[in-house]
Amino acid sequence: MVLGMNSVLISEFKAKAIATLKRVRDTGEPLQVTIRGRAVAEIFPPRQTQEEGVVLGGCADLMVQRPADARLVLNDFADEWEMNR
């Protein structure tokens, strides 16, 4: 756990997940999710990148680019949350 990390109960996180994740992103402060006082997850803000893709390889003619992390996950899992059932 990071010193000074804020924590939130899992029930509150579940009810306000999107707003909570945006707050972590915007403030840059990590967050710990707890159940009955025990940590179950730690949420950290995304790392800042200056490039859209990361160049892999060492030779100019062998360079390969991978998509930025944000484009790797394009799926919306909102329908899988228990509260939406």
C-alpha atoms as a PDB file:
ATOM      1  CA  MET A   1       0.000   0.000   0.000  1.00  0.00           C
ATOM      2  CA  VAL A   2       1.219   3.512  -0.797  1.00  0.00           C
ATOM      3  CA  LEU A   3       1.528   5.783   2.237  1.00  0.00           C
ATOM      4  CA  GLY A   4      -1.286   8.291   2.438  1.00  0.00           C
ATOM      5  CA  MET A   5      -3.478   6.345   0.026  1.00  0.00           C
ATOM      6  CA  ASN A   6      -7.185   7.077   0.380  1.00  0.00           C
ATOM      7  CA  SER A   7      -9.551   4.145   0.795  1.00  0.00           C
ATOM      8  CA  VAL A   8     -13.171   3.473  -0.082  1.00  0.00           C
ATOM      9  CA  LEU A   9     -15.564   0.673   0.849  1.00  0.00           C
ATOM     10  CA  ILE A  10     -16.325  -1.662  -2.018  1.00  0.00           C
ATOM     11  CA  SER A  11     -20.055  -0.897  -1.761  1.00  0.00           C
ATOM     12  CA  GLU A  12     -19.373   2.824  -2.267  1.00  0.00           C
ATOM     13  CA  PHE A  13     -16.931   2.083  -5.088  1.00  0.00           C
ATOM     14  CA  LYS A  14     -19.483  -0.132  -6.806  1.00  0.00           C
ATOM     15  CA  ALA A  15     -22.175   2.548  -6.564  1.00  0.00           C
ATOM     16  CA  LYS A  16     -19.898   5.346  -7.815  1.00  0.00           C
ATOM     17  CA  ALA A  17     -17.322   3.462  -9.906  1.00  0.00           C
ATOM     18  CA  ILE A  18     -17.189   5.777 -12.914  1.00  0.00           C
ATOM     19  CA  ALA A  19     -16.965   8.972 -10.858  1.00  0.00           C
ATOM     20  CA  THR A  20     -14.384   7.391  -8.552  1.00  0.00           C
ATOM     21  CA  LEU A  21     -12.195   6.235 -11.442  1.00  0.00           C
ATOM     22  CA  LYS A  22     -12.393   9.678 -13.050  1.00  0.00           C
ATOM     23  CA  ARG A  23     -11.356  11.264  -9.742  1.00  0.00           C
ATOM     24  CA  VAL A  24      -8.294   8.989  -9.552  1.00  0.00           C
ATOM     25  CA  ARG A  25      -7.419   9.902 -13.138  1.00  0.00           C
ATOM     26  CA  ASP A  26      -7.919  13.642 -12.625  1.00  0.00           C
ATOM     27  CA  THR A  27      -6.230  14.000  -9.219  1.00  0.00           C
ATOM     28  CA  GLY A  28      -3.468  11.458  -9.789  1.00  0.00           C
ATOM     29  CA  GLU A  29      -4.055  10.083  -6.281  1.00  0.00           C
ATOM     30  CA  PRO A  30      -4.255   6.279  -5.920  1.00  0.00           C
ATOM     31  CA  LEU A  31      -7.178   4.661  -4.136  1.00  0.00           C
ATOM     32  CA  GLN A  32      -7.547   1.480  -2.107  1.00  0.00           C
ATOM     33  CA  VAL A  33     -10.824  -0.490  -2.252  1.00  0.00           C
ATOM     34  CA  THR A  34     -11.688  -2.378   0.942  1.00  0.00           C
ATOM     35  CA  ILE A  35     -14.097  -5.032   2.207  1.00  0.00           C
ATOM     36  CA  ARG A  36     -14.605  -5.004   5.974  1.00  0.00           C
ATOM     37  CA  GLY A  37     -11.401  -3.020   6.434  1.00  0.00           C
ATOM     38  CA  ARG A  38      -9.232  -5.346   4.310  1.00  0.00           C
ATOM     39  CA  ALA A  39      -7.772  -4.169   1.011  1.00  0.00           C
ATOM     40  CA  VAL A  40      -9.006  -6.005  -2.078  1.00  0.00           C
ATOM     41  CA  ALA A  41      -7.704  -3.665  -4.783  1.00  0.00           C
ATOM     42  CA  GLU A  42      -5.533  -0.636  -5.354  1.00  0.00           C
ATOM     43  CA  ILE A  43      -6.354   1.741  -8.174  1.00  0.00           C
ATOM     44  CA  PHE A  44      -3.643   3.929  -9.675  1.00  0.00           C
ATOM     45  CA  PRO A  45      -3.979   6.696 -12.273  1.00  0.00           C
ATOM     46  CA  PRO A  46      -2.856   5.869 -15.819  1.00  0.00           C
ATOM     47  CA  ARG A  47       0.742   6.523 -16.737  1.00  0.00           C
ATOM     48  CA  GLN A  48       1.202   9.518 -18.979  1.00  0.00           C
ATOM     49  CA  THR A  49       2.641   8.742 -22.400  1.00  0.00           C
ATOM     50  CA  GLN A  50       3.806  11.245 -24.958  1.00  0.00           C
ATOM     51  CA  GLU A  51       3.352   8.952 -27.942  1.00  0.00           C
ATOM     52  CA  GLU A  52       0.268   7.262 -29.322  1.00  0.00           C
ATOM     53  CA  GLY A  53       2.191   4.020 -29.729  1.00  0.00           C
ATOM     54  CA  VAL A  54       5.372   2.599 -28.271  1.00  0.00           C
ATOM     55  CA  VAL A  55       8.167   1.634 -30.635  1.00  0.00           C
ATOM     56  CA  LEU A  56       9.424  -1.894 -30.049  1.00  0.00           C
ATOM     57  CA  GLY A  57      12.727  -3.143 -31.410  1.00  0.00           C
ATOM     58  CA  GLY A  58      16.145  -1.641 -31.919  1.00  0.00           C
ATOM     59  CA  CYS A  59      16.686  -1.483 -35.668  1.00  0.00           C
ATOM     60  CA  ALA A  60      14.983   1.192 -37.758  1.00  0.00           C
ATOM     61  CA  ASP A  61      13.885  -1.324 -40.391  1.00  0.00           C
ATOM     62  CA  LEU A  62      12.473  -3.743 -37.752  1.00  0.00           C
ATOM     63  CA  MET A  63      10.395  -1.285 -35.739  1.00  0.00           C
ATOM     64  CA  VAL A  64       6.896  -2.336 -34.770  1.00  0.00           C
ATOM     65  CA  GLN A  65       4.345  -0.176 -33.030  1.00  0.00           C
ATOM     66  CA  ARG A  66       1.686  -1.400 -30.653  1.00  0.00           C
ATOM     67  CA  PRO A  67      -1.502   0.563 -30.007  1.00  0.00           C
ATOM     68  CA  ALA A  68      -1.722   2.748 -26.939  1.00  0.00           C
ATOM     69  CA  ASP A  69      -3.161   0.979 -23.895  1.00  0.00           C
ATOM     70  CA  ALA A  70      -6.394   2.965 -24.094  1.00  0.00           C
ATOM     71  CA  ARG A  71      -7.199   1.466 -27.493  1.00  0.00           C
ATOM     72  CA  LEU A  72      -6.555  -2.102 -26.305  1.00  0.00           C
ATOM     73  CA  VAL A  73      -9.685  -2.101 -24.169  1.00  0.00           C
ATOM     74  CA  LEU A  74     -12.589  -0.851 -26.225  1.00  0.00           C
ATOM     75  CA  ASN A  75     -15.255  -3.016 -24.620  1.00  0.00           C
ATOM     76  CA  ASP A  76     -17.903  -1.583 -22.297  1.00  0.00           C
ATOM     77  CA  PHE A  77     -18.565  -4.020 -19.476  1.00  0.00           C
ATOM     78  CA  ALA A  78     -21.419  -2.017 -17.897  1.00  0.00           C
ATOM     79  CA  ASP A  79     -23.942  -4.773 -18.624  1.00  0.00           C
ATOM     80  CA  GLU A  80     -21.870  -7.251 -16.595  1.00  0.00           C
ATOM     81  CA  TRP A  81     -22.080  -5.294 -13.311  1.00  0.00           C
ATOM     82  CA  GLU A  82     -24.344  -6.968 -10.771  1.00  0.00           C
ATOM     83  CA  MET A  83     -26.213  -3.719 -10.124  1.00  0.00           C
ATOM     84  CA  ASN A  84     -27.370  -3.705 -13.770  1.00  0.00           C
ATOM     85  CA  ARG A  85     -28.954  -7.148 -13.571  1.00  0.00           C
END
